[in-house]
Amino acid sequence: MKTSDGKDELNLAEFPLCALAHRLRPEQKTLTFADRVWDERRGETITRQLIITGSDAYGLPTALDDEVLLGLIQLTRLRDFAERKVPFSRYQLIQILGWRNETKTYERLEASLNRWTGVTLYYRNAWWSKARSCWMDEKFHVLDNVWLSHRGDRDVEAQPAEDSQPRSAFVWNEVIFRSFQSGNLKSIDFDFFKELKSAIAKRLYRFLDKRFFHRDRWEFNLQEFAWEHAGLARSYDAAGLKRKLRPGIAELEQKGYLQPLSDAVRFRRVCAGQWAVVFERATAEAAGSPDAEETADTQALSAALAERGVSLATAGDIARRFPAPHILMQLEVFDWLIARQDPKVSRNPPGFLVRAIQGGYAPPRDFVSRAEYARRQQAADERKRRGEARQRQRQARVATRETEQQTAIAGFWQALSDAEKARMEGEALAEATALQRTLLRRGGSGAAACRTALLEGYALRRLGAAQAVGANATAKAETGYGAPTGDRIRGSGKGN
């Protein structure tokens, strides 16, 4: 079924109807989006607000539910928006969505329809009435009723609609259907929408495609755009918002929908704490360029992904859609997690890597990049080199002192006469301890070593004493305290 000439309701494209996640916290039952716009009719700036509440049983809609809702609009378009009640088969809807025809898909589809039946939308100054040409307050469910056939196996319902009566149906709320009939619709390339991989790219496409009808370049306040129209969490600061938006923007650039812009142009700092984000629709020449064209860098990235278990088709698609620095950073984090045997990557490593790139996962707090690791290793090597140099210097000083000491000891004994030498050797040996005397009596190498130690120690003490006497004499001579009394008196200047 060709759905390139699809339709989208303008109010539903303006604000998100879901959070950008496939799963939400069970306790979260409300989403709120708001912005400020100039109302020409009132001549003033107004605040528009949308509050979305989910049922206790089924909760809030997710990104996949948003796709289902857009699929329901396409089913209604096939019937020319003629009636609120739209008969259909689940197989037909699955074909429109491009989902796999399997049991869990049918279960997921039923859960989504249950969720939309339980969702309530509260628009304040935010629902555009084309008939009245003004912003209005509206409060309504999206779907009033849903019937699903469960007779027999799902393959029974999988028969083409023209060969069997559709056994399922849904009923739009009157507010939405009235907007359909008033022509508050825009064209959308639903086939292009389905080709987009990331939820953020799909959300950006729906919103920007509506805005590009008026002009080809738009600039928004980054926080308001990301929080209120893209559906990102308000916990993200400017840096986090840019990081989360980049993968979806890159995908739309690769698909030839958005004009590629550098980060400096895409994100413009307005003032302290305030940023703007810029979007330009791609020119016809850029949109017609082949998406599959690969550069050497793209091929290298694709090969790197394939080496880590990502399928060749997925690897090539990711390498073309996402910026190289973004992929390289996620590859580095992935390799780091694998080396640590982190449980996050143990179950399905290639799948984790793909989700990390598509979702812009933040690195773990204790992650150390290769550049940082190299810097730390270089600093450690430098500290080790300096330590080894200091150790060598200490060893050289010790060796020098030992050499000087041995030279002094040898000079001490050589300067003695034979009689003095014999007397001093006797004095040195007489200082031996009981253990040393025992070693001397036993003879052999132990006695020789003990005798040498006693003689060297004696010589060092005598040399030390001599140096102390010499130093004392020098000090006395310099101060005059060592001179005779008469000399000291003359030196003092008294009696002259």
Protein backbone atom coordinates (compact mmCIF):
# COMPACT_ATOMS: atom_id res chain seq x y z
CA MET A 1 0.00 0.00 0.00
CA LYS A 2 1.45 3.32 -1.05
CA THR A 3 1.38 5.80 1.81
CA SER A 4 3.82 8.44 0.62
CA ASP A 5 0.85 10.79 0.16
CA GLY A 6 -0.29 10.38 3.77
CA LYS A 7 -1.99 12.88 6.05
CA ASP A 8 -1.32 14.29 9.50
CA GLU A 9 -3.62 16.38 11.70
CA LEU A 10 -2.01 19.76 12.35
CA ASN A 11 -2.83 19.96 16.07
CA LEU A 12 -1.43 16.48 16.68
CA ALA A 13 1.80 17.45 14.92
CA GLU A 14 2.34 20.61 16.98
CA PHE A 15 2.88 19.13 20.45
CA PRO A 16 4.13 15.64 21.34
CA LEU A 17 1.46 13.23 22.48
CA CYS A 18 4.00 10.95 24.15
CA ALA A 19 7.40 10.85 25.77
CA LEU A 20 10.35 9.88 23.59
CA ALA A 21 10.74 6.45 25.13
CA HIS A 22 9.43 2.96 24.48
CA ARG A 23 8.76 2.49 28.19
CA LEU A 24 7.70 4.94 30.90
CA ARG A 25 7.74 4.69 34.67
CA PRO A 26 4.51 2.99 35.80
CA GLU A 27 3.83 5.76 38.32
CA GLN A 28 4.00 8.49 35.66
CA LYS A 29 0.47 9.27 34.49
CA THR A 30 0.74 12.85 33.18
CA LEU A 31 2.72 14.76 30.55
CA THR A 32 2.59 18.54 30.14
CA PHE A 33 3.81 20.65 27.21
CA ALA A 34 3.50 24.43 26.81
CA ASP A 35 4.86 27.33 24.78
CA ARG A 36 4.15 31.01 24.08
CA VAL A 37 3.06 32.30 20.66
CA TRP A 38 1.76 35.52 19.19
CA ASP A 39 -2.00 35.43 18.61
CA GLU A 40 -2.82 37.83 15.78
CA ARG A 41 -6.54 37.69 16.50
CA ARG A 42 -6.10 38.77 20.13
CA GLY A 43 -3.10 40.98 19.43
CA GLU A 44 -1.12 39.51 22.30
CA THR A 45 1.22 36.69 23.25
CA ILE A 46 -0.64 33.72 24.68
CA THR A 47 0.44 30.60 26.52
CA ARG A 48 -0.59 27.35 24.88
CA GLN A 49 -0.67 24.21 27.01
CA LEU A 50 -1.35 20.52 26.46
CA ILE A 51 -1.82 18.11 29.35
CA ILE A 52 -1.91 14.38 28.60
CA THR A 53 -3.19 11.89 31.15
CA GLY A 54 -3.14 8.12 30.89
CA SER A 55 -5.33 5.49 32.48
CA ASP A 56 -4.22 3.58 35.55
CA ALA A 57 -4.36 0.29 33.68
CA TYR A 58 -2.52 1.23 30.46
CA GLY A 59 -0.62 4.43 31.27
CA LEU A 60 0.71 7.08 28.93
CA PRO A 61 1.40 6.62 25.21
CA THR A 62 4.94 5.85 24.05
CA ALA A 63 6.80 6.57 20.81
CA LEU A 64 5.44 3.35 19.25
CA ASP A 65 1.90 4.37 20.21
CA ASP A 66 2.45 7.66 18.36
CA GLU A 67 3.20 5.65 15.21
CA VAL A 68 0.00 3.65 15.71
CA LEU A 69 -2.03 6.86 15.98
CA LEU A 70 -0.52 8.15 12.74
CA GLY A 71 -1.36 4.78 11.19
CA LEU A 72 -4.99 5.19 12.26
CA ILE A 73 -5.06 8.55 10.49
CA GLN A 74 -3.87 6.81 7.31
CA LEU A 75 -6.62 4.21 7.62
CA THR A 76 -9.14 7.06 7.93
CA ARG A 77 -7.62 8.81 4.89
CA LEU A 78 -8.23 5.66 2.82
CA ARG A 79 -11.94 6.19 3.56
CA ASP A 80 -11.68 9.94 2.73
CA PHE A 81 -12.34 10.93 6.37
CA ALA A 82 -16.00 10.16 5.72
CA GLU A 83 -17.06 8.64 9.07
CA ARG A 84 -15.90 8.67 12.67
CA LYS A 85 -16.19 4.89 12.81
CA VAL A 86 -13.40 3.28 10.74
CA PRO A 87 -13.61 -0.46 10.03
CA PHE A 88 -10.24 -2.16 9.60
CA SER A 89 -8.31 -5.38 10.09
CA ARG A 90 -5.33 -5.55 12.37
CA TYR A 91 -3.32 -7.11 9.56
CA GLN A 92 -4.13 -4.10 7.37
CA LEU A 93 -2.90 -1.68 10.06
CA ILE A 94 0.26 -3.70 10.59
CA GLN A 95 0.96 -3.56 6.86
CA ILE A 96 0.52 0.21 6.84
CA LEU A 97 2.88 0.57 9.80
CA GLY A 98 5.45 -1.74 8.24
CA TRP A 99 5.62 -3.96 11.33
CA ARG A 100 6.33 -7.68 11.34
CA ASN A 101 3.33 -9.97 11.02
CA GLU A 102 3.82 -11.96 14.22
CA THR A 103 1.97 -12.68 17.43
CA LYS A 104 3.75 -10.14 19.62
CA THR A 105 3.00 -7.42 17.04
CA TYR A 106 -0.73 -8.09 17.39
CA GLU A 107 -0.37 -7.97 21.17
CA ARG A 108 1.54 -4.71 21.00
CA LEU A 109 -1.06 -3.24 18.64
CA GLU A 110 -3.92 -4.14 20.99
CA ALA A 111 -2.07 -2.63 23.96
CA SER A 112 -1.56 0.57 21.99
CA LEU A 113 -5.25 0.84 21.09
CA ASN A 114 -6.18 0.24 24.73
CA ARG A 115 -3.80 3.01 25.73
CA TRP A 116 -5.23 5.52 23.25
CA THR A 117 -8.75 4.71 24.40
CA GLY A 118 -7.77 5.57 27.97
CA VAL A 119 -5.79 8.74 27.17
CA THR A 120 -7.34 12.17 27.75
CA LEU A 121 -6.01 15.36 26.14
CA TYR A 122 -6.52 18.78 27.77
CA TYR A 123 -5.77 21.65 25.36
CA ARG A 124 -5.72 25.19 26.77
CA ASN A 125 -5.42 27.89 24.10
CA ALA A 126 -3.73 25.17 22.05
CA TRP A 127 -6.33 23.48 19.81
CA TRP A 128 -6.62 25.31 16.50
CA SER A 129 -10.15 25.45 15.15
CA LYS A 130 -9.98 25.96 11.41
CA ALA A 131 -13.70 26.65 11.25
CA ARG A 132 -13.43 29.49 13.79
CA SER A 133 -9.83 30.50 12.95
CA CYS A 134 -8.78 30.73 16.58
CA TRP A 135 -7.08 28.85 19.40
CA MET A 136 -9.55 27.05 21.65
CA ASP A 137 -9.75 24.98 24.82
CA GLU A 138 -10.69 21.34 24.22
CA LYS A 139 -10.81 18.28 26.47
CA PHE A 140 -11.37 14.85 24.92
CA HIS A 141 -10.30 11.23 24.53
CA VAL A 142 -8.51 10.35 21.31
CA LEU A 143 -10.63 7.25 20.60
CA ASP A 144 -14.15 6.81 21.90
CA ASN A 145 -14.50 3.11 21.09
CA VAL A 146 -12.43 0.22 19.73
CA TRP A 147 -13.61 -3.22 18.62
CA LEU A 148 -11.07 -5.96 17.93
CA SER A 149 -11.87 -9.35 16.49
CA HIS A 150 -10.38 -12.34 18.32
CA ARG A 151 -12.21 -15.10 16.48
CA GLY A 152 -9.94 -17.94 15.49
CA ASP A 153 -6.28 -17.58 14.65
CA ARG A 154 -4.83 -14.19 13.72
CA ASP A 155 -4.17 -15.49 10.17
CA VAL A 156 -7.95 -15.49 9.56
CA GLU A 157 -7.98 -11.72 9.99
CA ALA A 158 -4.84 -11.48 7.85
CA GLN A 159 -6.92 -11.99 4.70
CA PRO A 160 -7.08 -8.90 2.43
CA ALA A 161 -9.88 -6.53 3.38
CA GLU A 162 -11.50 -6.79 -0.03
CA ASP A 163 -11.90 -10.56 0.35
CA SER A 164 -13.49 -10.49 3.80
CA GLN A 165 -15.43 -8.12 5.96
CA PRO A 166 -13.07 -6.30 8.39
CA ARG A 167 -13.84 -7.54 11.88
CA SER A 168 -12.35 -4.63 13.83
CA ALA A 169 -13.18 -0.92 14.06
CA PHE A 170 -12.42 2.22 16.02
CA VAL A 171 -14.30 5.49 16.55
CA TRP A 172 -12.54 8.85 16.64
CA ASN A 173 -13.54 11.39 19.23
CA GLU A 174 -15.81 14.04 17.74
CA VAL A 175 -13.30 16.88 18.32
CA ILE A 176 -10.57 15.20 16.28
CA PHE A 177 -12.95 14.03 13.58
CA ARG A 178 -14.41 17.52 13.25
CA SER A 179 -10.87 18.82 12.68
CA PHE A 180 -10.37 16.16 9.99
CA GLN A 181 -13.51 17.20 8.15
CA SER A 182 -12.67 20.88 8.36
CA GLY A 183 -9.48 20.16 6.45
CA ASN A 184 -7.07 20.90 9.30
CA LEU A 185 -4.69 18.41 7.75
CA LYS A 186 -1.27 18.44 6.13
CA SER A 187 0.39 16.05 3.72
CA ILE A 188 3.07 13.76 5.08
CA ASP A 189 5.33 11.23 3.37
CA PHE A 190 4.38 8.32 5.59
CA ASP A 191 6.78 5.97 3.80
CA PHE A 192 9.62 8.39 4.61
CA PHE A 193 8.39 8.59 8.20
CA LYS A 194 8.53 4.79 8.54
CA GLU A 195 12.09 4.68 7.18
CA LEU A 196 13.32 6.85 10.03
CA LYS A 197 14.95 4.81 12.77
CA SER A 198 15.02 7.02 15.85
CA ALA A 199 11.98 8.33 17.71
CA ILE A 200 13.52 11.81 17.90
CA ALA A 201 13.96 11.92 14.10
CA LYS A 202 10.31 10.97 13.62
CA ARG A 203 9.13 13.61 16.06
CA LEU A 204 11.31 16.30 14.47
CA TYR A 205 10.07 15.34 11.01
CA ARG A 206 6.37 15.70 11.95
CA PHE A 207 6.85 19.05 13.66
CA LEU A 208 9.29 20.62 11.18
CA ASP A 209 7.37 19.39 8.15
CA LYS A 210 4.44 21.40 9.42
CA ARG A 211 6.57 24.52 9.95
CA PHE A 212 8.41 24.24 6.61
CA PHE A 213 5.10 24.80 4.85
CA HIS A 214 5.47 28.50 5.75
CA ARG A 215 9.23 28.98 5.21
CA ASP A 216 12.39 26.95 4.73
CA ARG A 217 14.37 28.21 7.73
CA TRP A 218 13.36 28.27 11.38
CA GLU A 219 15.14 29.27 14.56
CA PHE A 220 13.78 28.22 17.95
CA ASN A 221 14.76 28.65 21.55
CA LEU A 222 16.62 25.41 22.24
CA GLN A 223 15.02 24.64 25.59
CA GLU A 224 11.47 25.41 24.47
CA PHE A 225 11.89 23.45 21.24
CA ALA A 226 13.46 20.39 22.87
CA TRP A 227 11.19 20.28 25.92
CA GLU A 228 7.84 21.38 24.48
CA HIS A 229 7.92 20.23 20.84
CA ALA A 230 10.46 17.40 20.69
CA GLY A 231 9.35 15.89 24.00
CA LEU A 232 12.75 15.63 25.72
CA ALA A 233 12.89 15.52 29.51
CA ARG A 234 13.23 18.82 31.35
CA SER A 235 16.05 17.35 33.42
CA TYR A 236 18.43 17.89 30.47
CA ASP A 237 20.47 21.08 30.41
CA ALA A 238 21.54 22.78 27.16
CA ALA A 239 24.48 20.42 26.64
CA GLY A 240 22.27 17.38 27.25
CA LEU A 241 19.57 18.66 24.91
CA LYS A 242 22.07 19.17 22.10
CA ARG A 243 23.50 15.70 22.68
CA LYS A 244 20.03 14.09 22.55
CA LEU A 245 18.96 16.03 19.45
CA ARG A 246 22.10 15.41 17.37
CA PRO A 247 21.38 11.76 16.35
CA GLY A 248 17.88 12.59 15.10
CA ILE A 249 19.10 15.70 13.29
CA ALA A 250 21.94 13.71 11.71
CA GLU A 251 19.47 11.10 10.47
CA LEU A 252 17.30 13.75 8.81
CA GLU A 253 20.43 15.26 7.25
CA GLN A 254 21.54 11.88 5.92
CA LYS A 255 18.06 11.30 4.48
CA GLY A 256 18.29 14.60 2.61
CA TYR A 257 15.48 16.27 4.54
CA LEU A 258 17.48 18.81 6.55
CA GLN A 259 20.29 20.99 5.24
CA PRO A 260 23.53 19.85 6.94
CA LEU A 261 24.86 22.53 9.28
CA SER A 262 27.91 22.68 11.51
CA ASP A 263 27.37 22.60 15.25
CA ALA A 264 28.38 26.26 15.49
CA VAL A 265 25.58 27.19 13.06
CA ARG A 266 23.02 24.65 14.25
CA PHE A 267 23.30 25.66 17.91
CA ARG A 268 23.78 29.39 18.52
CA ARG A 269 24.50 30.86 21.94
CA VAL A 270 22.15 33.78 22.54
CA CYS A 271 23.33 34.79 26.01
CA ALA A 272 24.37 33.17 29.26
CA GLY A 273 22.27 30.02 29.67
CA GLN A 274 20.23 30.63 26.49
CA TRP A 275 20.73 28.81 23.19
CA ALA A 276 18.94 28.77 19.84
CA VAL A 277 18.62 25.85 17.42
CA VAL A 278 18.39 26.39 13.64
CA PHE A 279 16.77 24.15 11.01
CA GLU A 280 16.85 24.59 7.24
CA ARG A 281 14.99 22.42 4.76
CA ALA A 282 17.40 20.76 2.34
CA THR A 283 17.53 22.11 -1.19
CA ALA A 284 16.25 20.02 -4.06
CA GLU A 285 19.85 19.23 -5.07
CA ALA A 286 20.73 18.01 -1.58
CA ALA A 287 17.51 16.04 -1.27
CA GLY A 288 18.21 14.28 -4.55
CA SER A 289 21.72 13.20 -3.65
CA PRO A 290 22.15 9.41 -3.13
CA ASP A 291 21.89 8.44 0.52
CA ALA A 292 23.96 5.31 0.02
CA GLU A 293 27.08 7.12 -1.11
CA GLU A 294 29.91 6.12 1.20
CA THR A 295 33.18 7.86 1.88
CA ALA A 296 36.32 6.14 3.07
CA ASP A 297 35.52 7.29 6.62
CA THR A 298 32.01 5.88 6.40
CA GLN A 299 33.34 2.54 5.17
CA ALA A 300 35.86 2.45 8.00
CA LEU A 301 33.14 3.15 10.59
CA SER A 302 30.90 0.52 9.03
CA ALA A 303 33.74 -2.02 9.19
CA ALA A 304 34.44 -1.12 12.83
CA LEU A 305 30.77 -1.70 13.71
CA ALA A 306 30.70 -4.99 11.80
CA GLU A 307 33.79 -6.18 13.67
CA ARG A 308 31.82 -5.78 16.89
CA GLY A 309 28.95 -7.96 15.68
CA VAL A 310 26.61 -5.39 14.07
CA SER A 311 25.08 -6.64 10.82
CA LEU A 312 26.55 -5.16 7.66
CA ALA A 313 23.28 -3.50 6.64
CA THR A 314 22.76 -1.90 10.04
CA ALA A 315 26.43 -0.91 10.29
CA GLY A 316 26.33 0.84 6.92
CA ASP A 317 23.10 2.64 7.78
CA ILE A 318 24.46 3.87 11.13
CA ALA A 319 27.77 4.96 9.59
CA ARG A 320 25.87 7.10 7.06
CA ARG A 321 23.32 8.59 9.47
CA PHE A 322 25.35 9.56 12.51
CA PRO A 323 28.36 11.87 12.90
CA ALA A 324 31.72 10.10 12.96
CA PRO A 325 32.83 11.59 16.34
CA HIS A 326 29.56 10.39 17.91
CA ILE A 327 30.07 6.83 16.61
CA LEU A 328 33.75 6.74 17.57
CA MET A 329 32.96 7.82 21.11
CA GLN A 330 30.31 5.11 21.50
CA LEU A 331 32.70 2.52 20.03
CA GLU A 332 35.30 3.47 22.60
CA VAL A 333 32.82 3.25 25.46
CA PHE A 334 31.58 -0.10 24.12
CA ASP A 335 35.11 -1.56 23.98
CA TRP A 336 35.73 -0.27 27.51
CA LEU A 337 32.56 -1.97 28.80
CA ILE A 338 33.45 -5.22 27.03
CA ALA A 339 36.94 -5.21 28.56
CA ARG A 340 35.39 -4.78 32.02
CA GLN A 341 32.79 -7.52 31.29
CA ASP A 342 30.06 -5.07 32.22
CA PRO A 343 26.64 -6.78 32.58
CA LYS A 344 24.98 -4.06 30.43
CA VAL A 345 26.64 -5.51 27.32
CA SER A 346 26.70 -9.18 28.27
CA ARG A 347 23.28 -10.15 26.91
CA ASN A 348 23.39 -8.63 23.43
CA PRO A 349 26.59 -6.62 22.81
CA PRO A 350 25.83 -5.60 19.17
CA GLY A 351 22.30 -4.57 20.10
CA PHE A 352 23.56 -2.48 23.00
CA LEU A 353 26.07 -0.76 20.71
CA VAL A 354 23.38 0.11 18.14
CA ARG A 355 21.03 1.47 20.83
CA ALA A 356 23.86 3.48 22.40
CA ILE A 357 24.61 5.19 19.08
CA GLN A 358 20.97 5.79 18.21
CA GLY A 359 20.05 6.98 21.70
CA GLY A 360 23.20 8.98 22.41
CA TYR A 361 23.95 7.11 25.65
CA ALA A 362 26.15 9.07 28.08
CA PRO A 363 29.44 7.38 29.07
CA PRO A 364 29.60 5.86 32.59
CA ARG A 365 30.99 8.16 35.26
CA ASP A 366 34.11 6.06 35.70
CA PHE A 367 34.75 5.76 31.94
CA VAL A 368 38.30 6.66 30.91
CA SER A 369 38.84 7.47 27.23
CA ARG A 370 41.88 6.26 25.35
CA ALA A 371 43.22 9.80 25.16
CA GLU A 372 42.83 10.28 28.91
CA TYR A 373 44.29 6.83 29.59
CA ALA A 374 47.28 7.65 27.37
CA ARG A 375 47.75 10.95 29.20
CA ARG A 376 47.64 9.24 32.57
CA GLN A 377 49.99 6.49 31.36
CA GLN A 378 52.41 9.08 30.03
CA ALA A 379 52.32 10.92 33.38
CA ALA A 380 52.91 7.62 35.22
CA ASP A 381 55.83 6.76 32.92
CA GLU A 382 57.32 10.20 33.52
CA ARG A 383 57.02 9.78 37.29
CA LYS A 384 58.65 6.36 37.02
CA ARG A 385 61.46 7.76 34.87
CA ARG A 386 62.14 10.53 37.36
CA GLY A 387 62.07 8.08 40.27
CA GLU A 388 64.53 5.79 38.53
CA ALA A 389 66.80 8.78 37.79
CA ARG A 390 66.73 9.80 41.46
CA GLN A 391 67.50 6.22 42.48
CA ARG A 392 70.47 6.09 40.13
CA GLN A 393 71.72 9.40 41.52
CA ARG A 394 71.44 8.08 45.09
CA GLN A 395 73.29 4.90 44.14
CA ALA A 396 76.01 6.93 42.44
CA ARG A 397 76.41 9.10 45.53
CA VAL A 398 76.61 6.02 47.76
CA ALA A 399 79.19 4.43 45.46
CA THR A 400 81.23 7.65 45.43
CA ARG A 401 81.14 7.85 49.23
CA GLU A 402 82.19 4.22 49.51
CA THR A 403 85.07 4.77 47.07
CA GLU A 404 86.19 7.89 48.92
CA GLN A 405 85.88 6.03 52.22
CA GLN A 406 87.98 3.09 51.02
CA THR A 407 90.59 5.48 49.65
CA ALA A 408 90.71 7.34 52.98
CA ILE A 409 91.00 4.07 54.93
CA ALA A 410 93.82 2.82 52.70
CA GLY A 411 95.59 6.19 53.02
CA PHE A 412 95.23 6.08 56.81
CA TRP A 413 97.02 2.75 57.17
CA GLN A 414 99.61 3.52 54.52
CA ALA A 415 100.63 6.73 56.31
CA LEU A 416 101.57 4.81 59.50
CA SER A 417 104.94 3.37 60.37
CA ASP A 418 105.12 -0.36 60.95
CA ALA A 419 105.22 0.14 64.71
CA GLU A 420 102.25 2.53 64.69
CA LYS A 421 100.37 0.23 62.36
CA ALA A 422 100.95 -2.77 64.62
CA ARG A 423 99.92 -0.80 67.71
CA MET A 424 96.72 0.51 66.12
CA GLU A 425 95.77 -2.87 64.69
CA GLY A 426 96.10 -4.24 68.19
CA GLU A 427 93.85 -1.48 69.51
CA ALA A 428 91.30 -2.16 66.75
CA LEU A 429 91.20 -5.91 67.45
CA ALA A 430 90.99 -5.28 71.18
CA GLU A 431 87.65 -3.51 70.57
CA ALA A 432 86.13 -6.72 69.18
CA THR A 433 82.96 -8.01 70.79
CA ALA A 434 82.68 -11.53 72.18
CA LEU A 435 81.03 -12.72 68.92
CA GLN A 436 83.74 -11.09 66.82
CA ARG A 437 86.51 -12.67 68.97
CA THR A 438 84.90 -16.05 68.44
CA LEU A 439 84.89 -15.50 64.67
CA LEU A 440 88.53 -14.43 64.75
CA ARG A 441 89.57 -17.58 66.63
CA ARG A 442 87.75 -19.84 64.12
CA GLY A 443 89.76 -18.46 61.22
CA GLY A 444 88.82 -18.76 57.58
CA SER A 445 86.86 -16.30 55.47
CA GLY A 446 84.66 -15.28 58.39
CA ALA A 447 87.67 -14.31 60.47
CA ALA A 448 89.16 -12.35 57.56
CA ALA A 449 85.94 -10.42 56.99
CA CYS A 450 85.58 -9.70 60.72
CA ARG A 451 89.22 -8.48 60.95
CA THR A 452 88.74 -6.19 57.93
CA ALA A 453 85.56 -4.72 59.41
CA LEU A 454 87.31 -4.02 62.76
CA LEU A 455 90.27 -2.33 61.08
CA GLU A 456 88.08 -0.23 58.75
CA GLY A 457 85.85 0.88 61.62
CA TYR A 458 88.87 1.83 63.70
CA ALA A 459 90.38 3.81 60.82
CA LEU A 460 87.09 5.64 60.19
CA ARG A 461 86.79 6.61 63.84
CA ARG A 462 90.34 7.91 63.89
CA LEU A 463 89.78 9.80 60.63
CA GLY A 464 86.56 11.24 61.99
CA ALA A 465 88.20 12.34 65.20
CA ALA A 466 91.05 13.92 63.26
CA GLN A 467 88.56 15.78 61.02
CA ALA A 468 86.70 17.03 64.10
CA VAL A 469 89.92 18.27 65.72
CA GLY A 470 90.91 19.99 62.48
CA ALA A 471 87.52 21.64 62.12
CA ASN A 472 87.63 22.81 65.76
CA ALA A 473 91.09 24.23 65.32
CA THR A 474 90.01 26.08 62.20
CA ALA A 475 86.99 27.54 64.03
CA LYS A 476 89.14 28.66 66.96
CA ALA A 477 91.64 30.29 64.63
CA GLU A 478 88.87 32.18 62.81
CA THR A 479 87.26 33.44 66.06
CA GLY A 480 90.51 34.05 68.00
CA TYR A 481 89.49 31.90 70.96
CA GLY A 482 92.35 29.49 70.42
CA ALA A 483 95.18 32.17 70.46
CA PRO A 484 97.46 32.89 73.49
CA THR A 485 96.20 35.43 76.06
CA GLY A 486 98.55 38.16 75.02
CA ASP A 487 97.55 37.76 71.40
CA ARG A 488 93.89 37.94 72.27
CA ILE A 489 94.55 41.17 74.26
CA ARG A 490 96.44 42.67 71.38
CA GLY A 491 93.80 41.63 68.98
CA SER A 492 91.13 43.28 71.04
CA GLY A 493 92.74 46.67 70.67
CA LYS A 494 92.98 47.31 74.45
CA GLY A 495 96.04 49.23 75.76
CA ASN A 496 96.85 50.79 72.36
